[in-house]
Amino acid sequence: MKNRQGAAWSLEAQPWAGSQAVRHVSGRLLAWGSTPPGSLEQVVRRLVAAVVADGGRHISLHLAEQDHKALILALSHQPQPAEPDESVLAGLSGLGVASCGTEVTPDGRQVWAVLDLAS
């Protein structure tokens, strides 16, 4: 991740993972001198909920910042997850993310969003 700041966390795939994820992401963005957008909490909770629903034991959360944009990615670590809930991306788009997406990889489902940050 040359020329960008990054962080990652491993969390239990439990209902409270969204709250932990919000604290991690917002705290790190503030430590980097960025002002998190108002939609940050809802975006992070949706990302986390989408991968927790895959039923694995843990998830990972990844954050990268570059040029006043934050990439937030959640990974389920659940091989061959069920079909995704199609409303996840529509919900993220409705929160004003710059872009978002999802894909299934050999490591599990990943769901991501890019947010514009104030400096």
PDB file of N, CA and C in Angstrom:
ATOM      1  N   MET A   1       0.839  -1.183   0.000  1.00  0.00           N
ATOM      2  CA  MET A   1       0.000   0.000   0.000  1.00  0.00           C
ATOM      3  C   MET A   1       0.881   1.242   0.000  1.00  0.00           C
ATOM      4  N   LYS A   2       1.705   1.339  -0.987  1.00  0.00           N
ATOM      5  CA  LYS A   2       2.614   2.468  -1.099  1.00  0.00           C
ATOM      6  C   LYS A   2       1.833   3.774  -1.231  1.00  0.00           C
ATOM      7  N   ASN A   3       2.283   4.787  -0.524  1.00  0.00           N
ATOM      8  CA  ASN A   3       1.715   6.131  -0.579  1.00  0.00           C
ATOM      9  C   ASN A   3       0.302   6.239  -0.024  1.00  0.00           C
ATOM     10  N   ARG A   4      -0.102   5.292   0.787  1.00  0.00           N
ATOM     11  CA  ARG A   4      -1.406   5.420   1.431  1.00  0.00           C
ATOM     12  C   ARG A   4      -1.336   4.817   2.823  1.00  0.00           C
ATOM     13  N   GLN A   5      -2.219   5.294   3.673  1.00  0.00           N
ATOM     14  CA  GLN A   5      -2.299   4.774   5.029  1.00  0.00           C
ATOM     15  C   GLN A   5      -3.259   3.598   5.046  1.00  0.00           C
ATOM     16  N   GLY A   6      -2.980   2.609   5.869  1.00  0.00           N
ATOM     17  CA  GLY A   6      -3.860   1.461   5.932  1.00  0.00           C
ATOM     18  C   GLY A   6      -3.898   0.842   7.314  1.00  0.00           C
ATOM     19  N   ALA A   7      -4.967   0.095   7.556  1.00  0.00           N
ATOM     20  CA  ALA A   7      -5.150  -0.610   8.824  1.00  0.00           C
ATOM     21  C   ALA A   7      -6.074  -1.795   8.580  1.00  0.00           C
ATOM     22  N   ALA A   8      -5.971  -2.798   9.446  1.00  0.00           N
ATOM     23  CA  ALA A   8      -6.844  -3.969   9.341  1.00  0.00           C
ATOM     24  C   ALA A   8      -7.122  -4.513  10.737  1.00  0.00           C
ATOM     25  N   TRP A   9      -8.313  -5.084  10.894  1.00  0.00           N
ATOM     26  CA  TRP A   9      -8.725  -5.663  12.163  1.00  0.00           C
ATOM     27  C   TRP A   9      -9.422  -6.989  11.911  1.00  0.00           C
ATOM     28  N   SER A  10      -9.267  -7.914  12.826  1.00  0.00           N
ATOM     29  CA  SER A  10     -10.008  -9.173  12.803  1.00  0.00           C
ATOM     30  C   SER A  10     -11.048  -9.094  13.912  1.00  0.00           C
ATOM     31  N   LEU A  11     -12.305  -9.395  13.569  1.00  0.00           N
ATOM     32  CA  LEU A  11     -13.401  -9.304  14.535  1.00  0.00           C
ATOM     33  C   LEU A  11     -14.191 -10.597  14.554  1.00  0.00           C
ATOM     34  N   GLU A  12     -14.772 -10.912  15.692  1.00  0.00           N
ATOM     35  CA  GLU A  12     -15.698 -12.041  15.763  1.00  0.00           C
ATOM     36  C   GLU A  12     -16.927 -11.711  14.927  1.00  0.00           C
ATOM     37  N   ALA A  13     -17.451 -12.690  14.227  1.00  0.00           N
ATOM     38  CA  ALA A  13     -18.665 -12.488  13.417  1.00  0.00           C
ATOM     39  C   ALA A  13     -19.877 -12.584  14.335  1.00  0.00           C
ATOM     40  N   GLN A  14     -20.106 -11.525  15.081  1.00  0.00           N
ATOM     41  CA  GLN A  14     -21.187 -11.449  16.058  1.00  0.00           C
ATOM     42  C   GLN A  14     -22.004 -10.186  15.807  1.00  0.00           C
ATOM     43  N   PRO A  15     -23.208 -10.114  16.362  1.00  0.00           N
ATOM     44  CA  PRO A  15     -24.053  -8.932  16.140  1.00  0.00           C
ATOM     45  C   PRO A  15     -23.393  -7.612  16.546  1.00  0.00           C
ATOM     46  N   TRP A  16     -22.509  -7.640  17.515  1.00  0.00           N
ATOM     47  CA  TRP A  16     -21.868  -6.411  17.984  1.00  0.00           C
ATOM     48  C   TRP A  16     -20.642  -6.018  17.149  1.00  0.00           C
ATOM     49  N   ALA A  17     -20.284  -6.786  16.154  1.00  0.00           N
ATOM     50  CA  ALA A  17     -19.107  -6.482  15.336  1.00  0.00           C
ATOM     51  C   ALA A  17     -19.229  -5.125  14.652  1.00  0.00           C
ATOM     52  N   GLY A  18     -20.437  -4.738  14.273  1.00  0.00           N
ATOM     53  CA  GLY A  18     -20.628  -3.445  13.620  1.00  0.00           C
ATOM     54  C   GLY A  18     -20.211  -2.285  14.505  1.00  0.00           C
ATOM     55  N   SER A  19     -20.560  -2.347  15.779  1.00  0.00           N
ATOM     56  CA  SER A  19     -20.183  -1.278  16.711  1.00  0.00           C
ATOM     57  C   SER A  19     -18.671  -1.196  16.871  1.00  0.00           C
ATOM     58  N   GLN A  20     -18.035  -2.356  17.012  1.00  0.00           N
ATOM     59  CA  GLN A  20     -16.573  -2.387  17.130  1.00  0.00           C
ATOM     60  C   GLN A  20     -15.928  -1.824  15.869  1.00  0.00           C
ATOM     61  N   ALA A  21     -16.458  -2.219  14.722  1.00  0.00           N
ATOM     62  CA  ALA A  21     -15.894  -1.767  13.452  1.00  0.00           C
ATOM     63  C   ALA A  21     -15.992  -0.247  13.312  1.00  0.00           C
ATOM     64  N   VAL A  22     -17.120   0.324  13.686  1.00  0.00           N
ATOM     65  CA  VAL A  22     -17.297   1.776  13.610  1.00  0.00           C
ATOM     66  C   VAL A  22     -16.264   2.475  14.487  1.00  0.00           C
ATOM     67  N   ARG A  23     -16.059   1.982  15.702  1.00  0.00           N
ATOM     68  CA  ARG A  23     -15.069   2.588  16.606  1.00  0.00           C
ATOM     69  C   ARG A  23     -13.663   2.512  16.001  1.00  0.00           C
ATOM     70  N   HIS A  24     -13.308   1.352  15.454  1.00  0.00           N
ATOM     71  CA  HIS A  24     -11.981   1.193  14.857  1.00  0.00           C
ATOM     72  C   HIS A  24     -11.773   2.158  13.695  1.00  0.00           C
ATOM     73  N   VAL A  25     -12.714   2.171  12.762  1.00  0.00           N
ATOM     74  CA  VAL A  25     -12.559   2.979  11.552  1.00  0.00           C
ATOM     75  C   VAL A  25     -12.581   4.470  11.875  1.00  0.00           C
ATOM     76  N   SER A  26     -13.545   4.911  12.654  1.00  0.00           N
ATOM     77  CA  SER A  26     -13.624   6.344  12.948  1.00  0.00           C
ATOM     78  C   SER A  26     -12.416   6.800  13.763  1.00  0.00           C
ATOM     79  N   GLY A  27     -11.984   5.984  14.707  1.00  0.00           N
ATOM     80  CA  GLY A  27     -10.799   6.329  15.502  1.00  0.00           C
ATOM     81  C   GLY A  27      -9.544   6.446  14.653  1.00  0.00           C
ATOM     82  N   ARG A  28      -9.384   5.524  13.729  1.00  0.00           N
ATOM     83  CA  ARG A  28      -8.187   5.564  12.883  1.00  0.00           C
ATOM     84  C   ARG A  28      -8.227   6.753  11.930  1.00  0.00           C
ATOM     85  N   LEU A  29      -9.386   7.033  11.342  1.00  0.00           N
ATOM     86  CA  LEU A  29      -9.488   8.188  10.454  1.00  0.00           C
ATOM     87  C   LEU A  29      -9.178   9.484  11.200  1.00  0.00           C
ATOM     88  N   LEU A  30      -9.692   9.614  12.417  1.00  0.00           N
ATOM     89  CA  LEU A  30      -9.397  10.806  13.220  1.00  0.00           C
ATOM     90  C   LEU A  30      -7.909  10.888  13.544  1.00  0.00           C
ATOM     91  N   ALA A  31      -7.285   9.755  13.850  1.00  0.00           N
ATOM     92  CA  ALA A  31      -5.849   9.729  14.142  1.00  0.00           C
ATOM     93  C   ALA A  31      -5.033  10.148  12.920  1.00  0.00           C
ATOM     94  N   TRP A  32      -5.550   9.871  11.739  1.00  0.00           N
ATOM     95  CA  TRP A  32      -4.877  10.262  10.502  1.00  0.00           C
ATOM     96  C   TRP A  32      -5.177  11.706  10.108  1.00  0.00           C
ATOM     97  N   GLY A  33      -5.998  12.397  10.884  1.00  0.00           N
ATOM     98  CA  GLY A  33      -6.312  13.790  10.606  1.00  0.00           C
ATOM     99  C   GLY A  33      -7.453  14.006   9.639  1.00  0.00           C
ATOM    100  N   SER A  34      -8.260  12.985   9.410  1.00  0.00           N
ATOM    101  CA  SER A  34      -9.409  13.096   8.507  1.00  0.00           C
ATOM    102  C   SER A  34     -10.695  13.189   9.321  1.00  0.00           C
ATOM    103  N   THR A  35     -11.637  13.941   8.802  1.00  0.00           N
ATOM    104  CA  THR A  35     -12.945  14.034   9.427  1.00  0.00           C
ATOM    105  C   THR A  35     -13.865  13.011   8.777  1.00  0.00           C
ATOM    106  N   PRO A  36     -14.318  12.016   9.537  1.00  0.00           N
ATOM    107  CA  PRO A  36     -15.217  11.011   8.957  1.00  0.00           C
ATOM    108  C   PRO A  36     -16.533  11.640   8.518  1.00  0.00           C
ATOM    109  N   PRO A  37     -17.068  11.208   7.377  1.00  0.00           N
ATOM    110  CA  PRO A  37     -18.358  11.748   6.934  1.00  0.00           C
ATOM    111  C   PRO A  37     -19.479  11.291   7.854  1.00  0.00           C
ATOM    112  N   GLY A  38     -20.586  12.006   7.834  1.00  0.00           N
ATOM    113  CA  GLY A  38     -21.727  11.667   8.683  1.00  0.00           C
ATOM    114  C   GLY A  38     -22.289  10.284   8.428  1.00  0.00           C
ATOM    115  N   SER A  39     -22.119   9.779   7.224  1.00  0.00           N
ATOM    116  CA  SER A  39     -22.658   8.463   6.881  1.00  0.00           C
ATOM    117  C   SER A  39     -21.738   7.306   7.269  1.00  0.00           C
ATOM    118  N   LEU A  40     -20.573   7.604   7.848  1.00  0.00           N
ATOM    119  CA  LEU A  40     -19.594   6.551   8.129  1.00  0.00           C
ATOM    120  C   LEU A  40     -20.182   5.409   8.949  1.00  0.00           C
ATOM    121  N   GLU A  41     -20.878   5.721  10.029  1.00  0.00           N
ATOM    122  CA  GLU A  41     -21.403   4.661  10.888  1.00  0.00           C
ATOM    123  C   GLU A  41     -22.340   3.735  10.122  1.00  0.00           C
ATOM    124  N   GLN A  42     -23.264   4.287   9.361  1.00  0.00           N
ATOM    125  CA  GLN A  42     -24.200   3.451   8.610  1.00  0.00           C
ATOM    126  C   GLN A  42     -23.486   2.627   7.545  1.00  0.00           C
ATOM    127  N   VAL A  43     -22.507   3.206   6.871  1.00  0.00           N
ATOM    128  CA  VAL A  43     -21.760   2.477   5.835  1.00  0.00           C
ATOM    129  C   VAL A  43     -21.025   1.303   6.452  1.00  0.00           C
ATOM    130  N   VAL A  44     -20.292   1.540   7.528  1.00  0.00           N
ATOM    131  CA  VAL A  44     -19.519   0.467   8.167  1.00  0.00           C
ATOM    132  C   VAL A  44     -20.450  -0.620   8.691  1.00  0.00           C
ATOM    133  N   ARG A  45     -21.533  -0.246   9.310  1.00  0.00           N
ATOM    134  CA  ARG A  45     -22.474  -1.247   9.833  1.00  0.00           C
ATOM    135  C   ARG A  45     -23.056  -2.105   8.710  1.00  0.00           C
ATOM    136  N   ARG A  46     -23.376  -1.514   7.570  1.00  0.00           N
ATOM    137  CA  ARG A  46     -23.911  -2.286   6.440  1.00  0.00           C
ATOM    138  C   ARG A  46     -22.864  -3.245   5.882  1.00  0.00           C
ATOM    139  N   LEU A  47     -21.636  -2.776   5.743  1.00  0.00           N
ATOM    140  CA  LEU A  47     -20.567  -3.644   5.251  1.00  0.00           C
ATOM    141  C   LEU A  47     -20.378  -4.847   6.169  1.00  0.00           C
ATOM    142  N   VAL A  48     -20.294  -4.574   7.450  1.00  0.00           N
ATOM    143  CA  VAL A  48     -20.069  -5.634   8.431  1.00  0.00           C
ATOM    144  C   VAL A  48     -21.258  -6.590   8.483  1.00  0.00           C
ATOM    145  N   ALA A  49     -22.460  -6.070   8.502  1.00  0.00           N
ATOM    146  CA  ALA A  49     -23.649  -6.928   8.555  1.00  0.00           C
ATOM    147  C   ALA A  49     -23.705  -7.866   7.354  1.00  0.00           C
ATOM    148  N   ALA A  50     -23.300  -7.376   6.198  1.00  0.00           N
ATOM    149  CA  ALA A  50     -23.343  -8.191   4.984  1.00  0.00           C
ATOM    150  C   ALA A  50     -22.426  -9.411   5.088  1.00  0.00           C
ATOM    151  N   VAL A  51     -21.245  -9.241   5.666  1.00  0.00           N
ATOM    152  CA  VAL A  51     -20.322 -10.383   5.756  1.00  0.00           C
ATOM    153  C   VAL A  51     -20.580 -11.248   6.993  1.00  0.00           C
ATOM    154  N   VAL A  52     -21.086 -10.657   8.062  1.00  0.00           N
ATOM    155  CA  VAL A  52     -21.470 -11.452   9.237  1.00  0.00           C
ATOM    156  C   VAL A  52     -22.575 -12.427   8.853  1.00  0.00           C
ATOM    157  N   ALA A  53     -23.463 -12.001   7.967  1.00  0.00           N
ATOM    158  CA  ALA A  53     -24.577 -12.849   7.534  1.00  0.00           C
ATOM    159  C   ALA A  53     -24.113 -14.121   6.829  1.00  0.00           C
ATOM    160  N   ASP A  54     -22.874 -14.171   6.391  1.00  0.00           N
ATOM    161  CA  ASP A  54     -22.350 -15.377   5.733  1.00  0.00           C
ATOM    162  C   ASP A  54     -22.135 -16.528   6.711  1.00  0.00           C
ATOM    163  N   GLY A  55     -22.155 -16.257   8.012  1.00  0.00           N
ATOM    164  CA  GLY A  55     -22.125 -17.321   9.003  1.00  0.00           C
ATOM    165  C   GLY A  55     -20.764 -17.834   9.418  1.00  0.00           C
ATOM    166  N   GLY A  56     -19.707 -17.119   9.105  1.00  0.00           N
ATOM    167  CA  GLY A  56     -18.369 -17.550   9.533  1.00  0.00           C
ATOM    168  C   GLY A  56     -18.124 -17.257  11.003  1.00  0.00           C
ATOM    169  N   ARG A  57     -16.944 -17.623  11.471  1.00  0.00           N
ATOM    170  CA  ARG A  57     -16.586 -17.386  12.868  1.00  0.00           C
ATOM    171  C   ARG A  57     -15.971 -16.009  13.081  1.00  0.00           C
ATOM    172  N   HIS A  58     -15.285 -15.506  12.053  1.00  0.00           N
ATOM    173  CA  HIS A  58     -14.691 -14.179  12.177  1.00  0.00           C
ATOM    174  C   HIS A  58     -14.763 -13.469  10.828  1.00  0.00           C
ATOM    175  N   ILE A  59     -14.564 -12.168  10.884  1.00  0.00           N
ATOM    176  CA  ILE A  59     -14.503 -11.340   9.685  1.00  0.00           C
ATOM    177  C   ILE A  59     -13.244 -10.493   9.792  1.00  0.00           C
ATOM    178  N   SER A  60     -12.837  -9.921   8.686  1.00  0.00           N
ATOM    179  CA  SER A  60     -11.773  -8.929   8.762  1.00  0.00           C
ATOM    180  C   SER A  60     -12.268  -7.637   8.141  1.00  0.00           C
ATOM    181  N   LEU A  61     -11.741  -6.565   8.655  1.00  0.00           N
ATOM    182  CA  LEU A  61     -12.114  -5.224   8.235  1.00  0.00           C
ATOM    183  C   LEU A  61     -10.833  -4.518   7.822  1.00  0.00           C
ATOM    184  N   HIS A  62     -10.850  -3.913   6.654  1.00  0.00           N
ATOM    185  CA  HIS A  62      -9.667  -3.258   6.108  1.00  0.00           C
ATOM    186  C   HIS A  62     -10.003  -1.816   5.771  1.00  0.00           C
ATOM    187  N   LEU A  63      -9.057  -0.926   6.048  1.00  0.00           N
ATOM    188  CA  LEU A  63      -9.238   0.499   5.807  1.00  0.00           C
ATOM    189  C   LEU A  63      -7.993   1.032   5.118  1.00  0.00           C
ATOM    190  N   ALA A  64      -8.168   1.785   4.065  1.00  0.00           N
ATOM    191  CA  ALA A  64      -7.065   2.481   3.406  1.00  0.00           C
ATOM    192  C   ALA A  64      -7.523   3.901   3.104  1.00  0.00           C
ATOM    193  N   GLU A  65      -6.589   4.844   3.213  1.00  0.00           N
ATOM    194  CA  GLU A  65      -6.898   6.248   2.944  1.00  0.00           C
ATOM    195  C   GLU A  65      -5.865   6.781   1.962  1.00  0.00           C
ATOM    196  N   GLN A  66      -6.359   7.481   0.961  1.00  0.00           N
ATOM    197  CA  GLN A  66      -5.472   8.128   0.001  1.00  0.00           C
ATOM    198  C   GLN A  66      -6.234   9.262  -0.672  1.00  0.00           C
ATOM    199  N   ASP A  67      -5.584  10.401  -0.803  1.00  0.00           N
ATOM    200  CA  ASP A  67      -6.164  11.553  -1.507  1.00  0.00           C
ATOM    201  C   ASP A  67      -7.563  11.912  -1.007  1.00  0.00           C
ATOM    202  N   HIS A  68      -7.733  11.919   0.307  1.00  0.00           N
ATOM    203  CA  HIS A  68      -8.991  12.302   0.954  1.00  0.00           C
ATOM    204  C   HIS A  68     -10.151  11.380   0.592  1.00  0.00           C
ATOM    205  N   LYS A  69      -9.836  10.117   0.354  1.00  0.00           N
ATOM    206  CA  LYS A  69     -10.848   9.080   0.137  1.00  0.00           C
ATOM    207  C   LYS A  69     -10.488   7.901   1.034  1.00  0.00           C
ATOM    208  N   ALA A  70     -11.509   7.244   1.559  1.00  0.00           N
ATOM    209  CA  ALA A  70     -11.298   6.061   2.395  1.00  0.00           C
ATOM    210  C   ALA A  70     -11.938   4.862   1.717  1.00  0.00           C
ATOM    211  N   LEU A  71     -11.171   3.785   1.608  1.00  0.00           N
ATOM    212  CA  LEU A  71     -11.690   2.505   1.150  1.00  0.00           C
ATOM    213  C   LEU A  71     -11.898   1.652   2.387  1.00  0.00           C
ATOM    214  N   ILE A  72     -13.108   1.162   2.572  1.00  0.00           N
ATOM    215  CA  ILE A  72     -13.435   0.285   3.695  1.00  0.00           C
ATOM    216  C   ILE A  72     -13.916  -1.025   3.095  1.00  0.00           C
ATOM    217  N   LEU A  73     -13.286  -2.121   3.490  1.00  0.00           N
ATOM    218  CA  LEU A  73     -13.610  -3.434   2.942  1.00  0.00           C
ATOM    219  C   LEU A  73     -13.824  -4.413   4.084  1.00  0.00           C
ATOM    220  N   ALA A  74     -14.895  -5.181   4.017  1.00  0.00           N
ATOM    221  CA  ALA A  74     -15.179  -6.237   4.989  1.00  0.00           C
ATOM    222  C   ALA A  74     -15.123  -7.570   4.258  1.00  0.00           C
ATOM    223  N   LEU A  75     -14.507  -8.571   4.886  1.00  0.00           N
ATOM    224  CA  LEU A  75     -14.326  -9.889   4.293  1.00  0.00           C
ATOM    225  C   LEU A  75     -14.862 -10.946   5.249  1.00  0.00           C
ATOM    226  N   SER A  76     -15.676 -11.883   4.720  1.00  0.00           N
ATOM    227  CA  SER A  76     -16.360 -12.854   5.570  1.00  0.00           C
ATOM    228  C   SER A  76     -15.515 -14.045   5.995  1.00  0.00           C
ATOM    229  N   HIS A  77     -14.514 -14.420   5.239  1.00  0.00           N
ATOM    230  CA  HIS A  77     -13.704 -15.616   5.512  1.00  0.00           C
ATOM    231  C   HIS A  77     -14.559 -16.876   5.563  1.00  0.00           C
ATOM    232  N   GLN A  78     -15.667 -16.862   4.864  1.00  0.00           N
ATOM    233  CA  GLN A  78     -16.575 -18.006   4.791  1.00  0.00           C
ATOM    234  C   GLN A  78     -16.571 -18.508   3.349  1.00  0.00           C
ATOM    235  N   PRO A  79     -15.888 -19.632   3.088  1.00  0.00           N
ATOM    236  CA  PRO A  79     -15.853 -20.142   1.718  1.00  0.00           C
ATOM    237  C   PRO A  79     -17.255 -20.475   1.204  1.00  0.00           C
ATOM    238  N   GLN A  80     -17.485 -20.201  -0.044  1.00  0.00           N
ATOM    239  CA  GLN A  80     -18.746 -20.488  -0.722  1.00  0.00           C
ATOM    240  C   GLN A  80     -19.962 -19.954   0.034  1.00  0.00           C
ATOM    241  N   PRO A  81     -19.996 -18.634   0.264  1.00  0.00           N
ATOM    242  CA  PRO A  81     -21.157 -18.062   0.953  1.00  0.00           C
ATOM    243  C   PRO A  81     -22.403 -18.128   0.071  1.00  0.00           C
ATOM    244  N   ALA A  82     -23.540 -17.987   0.702  1.00  0.00           N
ATOM    245  CA  ALA A  82     -24.815 -17.959  -0.031  1.00  0.00           C
ATOM    246  C   ALA A  82     -24.852 -16.732  -0.942  1.00  0.00           C
ATOM    247  N   GLU A  83     -25.832 -16.696  -1.814  1.00  0.00           N
ATOM    248  CA  GLU A  83     -25.994 -15.541  -2.695  1.00  0.00           C
ATOM    249  C   GLU A  83     -26.145 -14.269  -1.858  1.00  0.00           C
ATOM    250  N   PRO A  84     -25.539 -13.176  -2.294  1.00  0.00           N
ATOM    251  CA  PRO A  84     -25.602 -11.942  -1.505  1.00  0.00           C
ATOM    252  C   PRO A  84     -26.983 -11.310  -1.548  1.00  0.00           C
ATOM    253  N   ASP A  85     -27.264 -10.554  -0.524  1.00  0.00           N
ATOM    254  CA  ASP A  85     -28.481  -9.745  -0.467  1.00  0.00           C
ATOM    255  C   ASP A  85     -28.270  -8.567  -1.414  1.00  0.00           C
ATOM    256  N   GLU A  86     -29.024  -8.520  -2.477  1.00  0.00           N
ATOM    257  CA  GLU A  86     -28.845  -7.488  -3.502  1.00  0.00           C
ATOM    258  C   GLU A  86     -29.109  -6.074  -2.977  1.00  0.00           C
ATOM    259  N   SER A  87     -29.808  -5.962  -1.873  1.00  0.00           N
ATOM    260  CA  SER A  87     -30.116  -4.631  -1.352  1.00  0.00           C
ATOM    261  C   SER A  87     -28.915  -3.966  -0.683  1.00  0.00           C
ATOM    262  N   VAL A  88     -27.863  -4.731  -0.407  1.00  0.00           N
ATOM    263  CA  VAL A  88     -26.694  -4.165   0.278  1.00  0.00           C
ATOM    264  C   VAL A  88     -26.085  -3.033  -0.540  1.00  0.00           C
ATOM    265  N   LEU A  89     -25.825  -3.268  -1.815  1.00  0.00           N
ATOM    266  CA  LEU A  89     -25.196  -2.234  -2.640  1.00  0.00           C
ATOM    267  C   LEU A  89     -26.118  -1.045  -2.849  1.00  0.00           C
ATOM    268  N   ALA A  90     -27.402  -1.303  -3.015  1.00  0.00           N
ATOM    269  CA  ALA A  90     -28.354  -0.195  -3.164  1.00  0.00           C
ATOM    270  C   ALA A  90     -28.384   0.646  -1.892  1.00  0.00           C
ATOM    271  N   GLY A  91     -28.342  -0.015  -0.750  1.00  0.00           N
ATOM    272  CA  GLY A  91     -28.323   0.708   0.520  1.00  0.00           C
ATOM    273  C   GLY A  91     -27.073   1.547   0.689  1.00  0.00           C
ATOM    274  N   LEU A  92     -25.927   0.986   0.281  1.00  0.00           N
ATOM    275  CA  LEU A  92     -24.679   1.741   0.360  1.00  0.00           C
ATOM    276  C   LEU A  92     -24.709   2.939  -0.580  1.00  0.00           C
ATOM    277  N   SER A  93     -25.189   2.729  -1.787  1.00  0.00           N
ATOM    278  CA  SER A  93     -25.282   3.830  -2.756  1.00  0.00           C
ATOM    279  C   SER A  93     -26.180   4.940  -2.230  1.00  0.00           C
ATOM    280  N   GLY A  94     -27.245   4.566  -1.544  1.00  0.00           N
ATOM    281  CA  GLY A  94     -28.156   5.545  -0.971  1.00  0.00           C
ATOM    282  C   GLY A  94     -27.540   6.367   0.142  1.00  0.00           C
ATOM    283  N   LEU A  95     -26.418   5.909   0.670  1.00  0.00           N
ATOM    284  CA  LEU A  95     -25.729   6.646   1.735  1.00  0.00           C
ATOM    285  C   LEU A  95     -24.687   7.612   1.180  1.00  0.00           C
ATOM    286  N   GLY A  96     -24.605   7.707  -0.138  1.00  0.00           N
ATOM    287  CA  GLY A  96     -23.715   8.686  -0.747  1.00  0.00           C
ATOM    288  C   GLY A  96     -22.268   8.259  -0.889  1.00  0.00           C
ATOM    289  N   VAL A  97     -22.006   6.952  -0.942  1.00  0.00           N
ATOM    290  CA  VAL A  97     -20.625   6.509  -1.152  1.00  0.00           C
ATOM    291  C   VAL A  97     -20.186   6.873  -2.564  1.00  0.00           C
ATOM    292  N   ALA A  98     -18.883   7.071  -2.737  1.00  0.00           N
ATOM    293  CA  ALA A  98     -18.352   7.395  -4.062  1.00  0.00           C
ATOM    294  C   ALA A  98     -18.451   6.186  -4.989  1.00  0.00           C
ATOM    295  N   SER A  99     -18.248   4.991  -4.435  1.00  0.00           N
ATOM    296  CA  SER A  99     -18.422   3.741  -5.170  1.00  0.00           C
ATOM    297  C   SER A  99     -18.506   2.601  -4.170  1.00  0.00           C
ATOM    298  N   CYS A 100     -19.015   1.460  -4.630  1.00  0.00           N
ATOM    299  CA  CYS A 100     -19.120   0.295  -3.759  1.00  0.00           C
ATOM    300  C   CYS A 100     -19.204  -0.948  -4.623  1.00  0.00           C
ATOM    301  N   GLY A 101     -18.969  -2.100  -4.002  1.00  0.00           N
ATOM    302  CA  GLY A 101     -19.054  -3.341  -4.751  1.00  0.00           C
ATOM    303  C   GLY A 101     -18.962  -4.541  -3.840  1.00  0.00           C
ATOM    304  N   THR A 102     -19.144  -5.703  -4.443  1.00  0.00           N
ATOM    305  CA  THR A 102     -19.036  -6.956  -3.709  1.00  0.00           C
ATOM    306  C   THR A 102     -18.566  -8.036  -4.667  1.00  0.00           C
ATOM    307  N   GLU A 103     -17.849  -8.994  -4.138  1.00  0.00           N
ATOM    308  CA  GLU A 103     -17.451 -10.152  -4.924  1.00  0.00           C
ATOM    309  C   GLU A 103     -17.138 -11.302  -3.989  1.00  0.00           C
ATOM    310  N   VAL A 104     -17.242 -12.499  -4.542  1.00  0.00           N
ATOM    311  CA  VAL A 104     -16.879 -13.698  -3.790  1.00  0.00           C
ATOM    312  C   VAL A 104     -15.500 -14.125  -4.268  1.00  0.00           C
ATOM    313  N   THR A 105     -14.597 -14.300  -3.319  1.00  0.00           N
ATOM    314  CA  THR A 105     -13.234 -14.723  -3.603  1.00  0.00           C
ATOM    315  C   THR A 105     -13.009 -16.073  -2.922  1.00  0.00           C
ATOM    316  N   PRO A 106     -11.886 -16.718  -3.166  1.00  0.00           N
ATOM    317  CA  PRO A 106     -11.587 -17.969  -2.450  1.00  0.00           C
ATOM    318  C   PRO A 106     -11.547 -17.791  -0.924  1.00  0.00           C
ATOM    319  N   ASP A 107     -11.310 -16.563  -0.466  1.00  0.00           N
ATOM    320  CA  ASP A 107     -11.263 -16.284   0.974  1.00  0.00           C
ATOM    321  C   ASP A 107     -12.619 -15.950   1.566  1.00  0.00           C
ATOM    322  N   GLY A 108     -13.654 -15.810   0.738  1.00  0.00           N
ATOM    323  CA  GLY A 108     -14.988 -15.461   1.225  1.00  0.00           C
ATOM    324  C   GLY A 108     -15.525 -14.248   0.494  1.00  0.00           C
ATOM    325  N   ARG A 109     -16.669 -13.759   0.957  1.00  0.00           N
ATOM    326  CA  ARG A 109     -17.287 -12.577   0.344  1.00  0.00           C
ATOM    327  C   ARG A 109     -16.588 -11.322   0.848  1.00  0.00           C
ATOM    328  N   GLN A 110     -16.312 -10.413  -0.069  1.00  0.00           N
ATOM    329  CA  GLN A 110     -15.847  -9.102   0.339  1.00  0.00           C
ATOM    330  C   GLN A 110     -16.831  -8.053  -0.177  1.00  0.00           C
ATOM    331  N   VAL A 111     -17.098  -7.099   0.681  1.00  0.00           N
ATOM    332  CA  VAL A 111     -17.988  -5.998   0.355  1.00  0.00           C
ATOM    333  C   VAL A 111     -17.207  -4.728   0.700  1.00  0.00           C
ATOM    334  N   TRP A 112     -17.210  -3.759  -0.213  1.00  0.00           N
ATOM    335  CA  TRP A 112     -16.408  -2.561  -0.008  1.00  0.00           C
ATOM    336  C   TRP A 112     -17.148  -1.299  -0.418  1.00  0.00           C
ATOM    337  N   ALA A 113     -16.668  -0.190   0.137  1.00  0.00           N
ATOM    338  CA  ALA A 113     -17.203   1.125  -0.212  1.00  0.00           C
ATOM    339  C   ALA A 113     -16.065   2.152  -0.146  1.00  0.00           C
ATOM    340  N   VAL A 114     -16.152   3.155  -1.010  1.00  0.00           N
ATOM    341  CA  VAL A 114     -15.214   4.273  -1.002  1.00  0.00           C
ATOM    342  C   VAL A 114     -15.996   5.505  -0.581  1.00  0.00           C
ATOM    343  N   LEU A 115     -15.442   6.227   0.403  1.00  0.00           N
ATOM    344  CA  LEU A 115     -16.070   7.435   0.929  1.00  0.00           C
ATOM    345  C   LEU A 115     -15.156   8.636   0.731  1.00  0.00           C
ATOM    346  N   ASP A 116     -15.732   9.780   0.430  1.00  0.00           N
ATOM    347  CA  ASP A 116     -14.979  11.022   0.390  1.00  0.00           C
ATOM    348  C   ASP A 116     -14.802  11.524   1.823  1.00  0.00           C
ATOM    349  N   LEU A 117     -13.609  12.021   2.134  1.00  0.00           N
ATOM    350  CA  LEU A 117     -13.300  12.508   3.473  1.00  0.00           C
ATOM    351  C   LEU A 117     -13.009  13.999   3.441  1.00  0.00           C
ATOM    352  N   ALA A 118     -13.360  14.677   4.509  1.00  0.00           N
ATOM    353  CA  ALA A 118     -12.953  16.066   4.696  1.00  0.00           C
ATOM    354  C   ALA A 118     -11.612  16.034   5.409  1.00  0.00           C
ATOM    355  N   SER A 119     -10.753  16.949   5.087  1.00  0.00           N
ATOM    356  CA  SER A 119      -9.434  16.965   5.758  1.00  0.00           C
ATOM    357  C   SER A 119      -9.358  18.033   6.813  1.00  0.00           C
TER     358      SER A 119
END
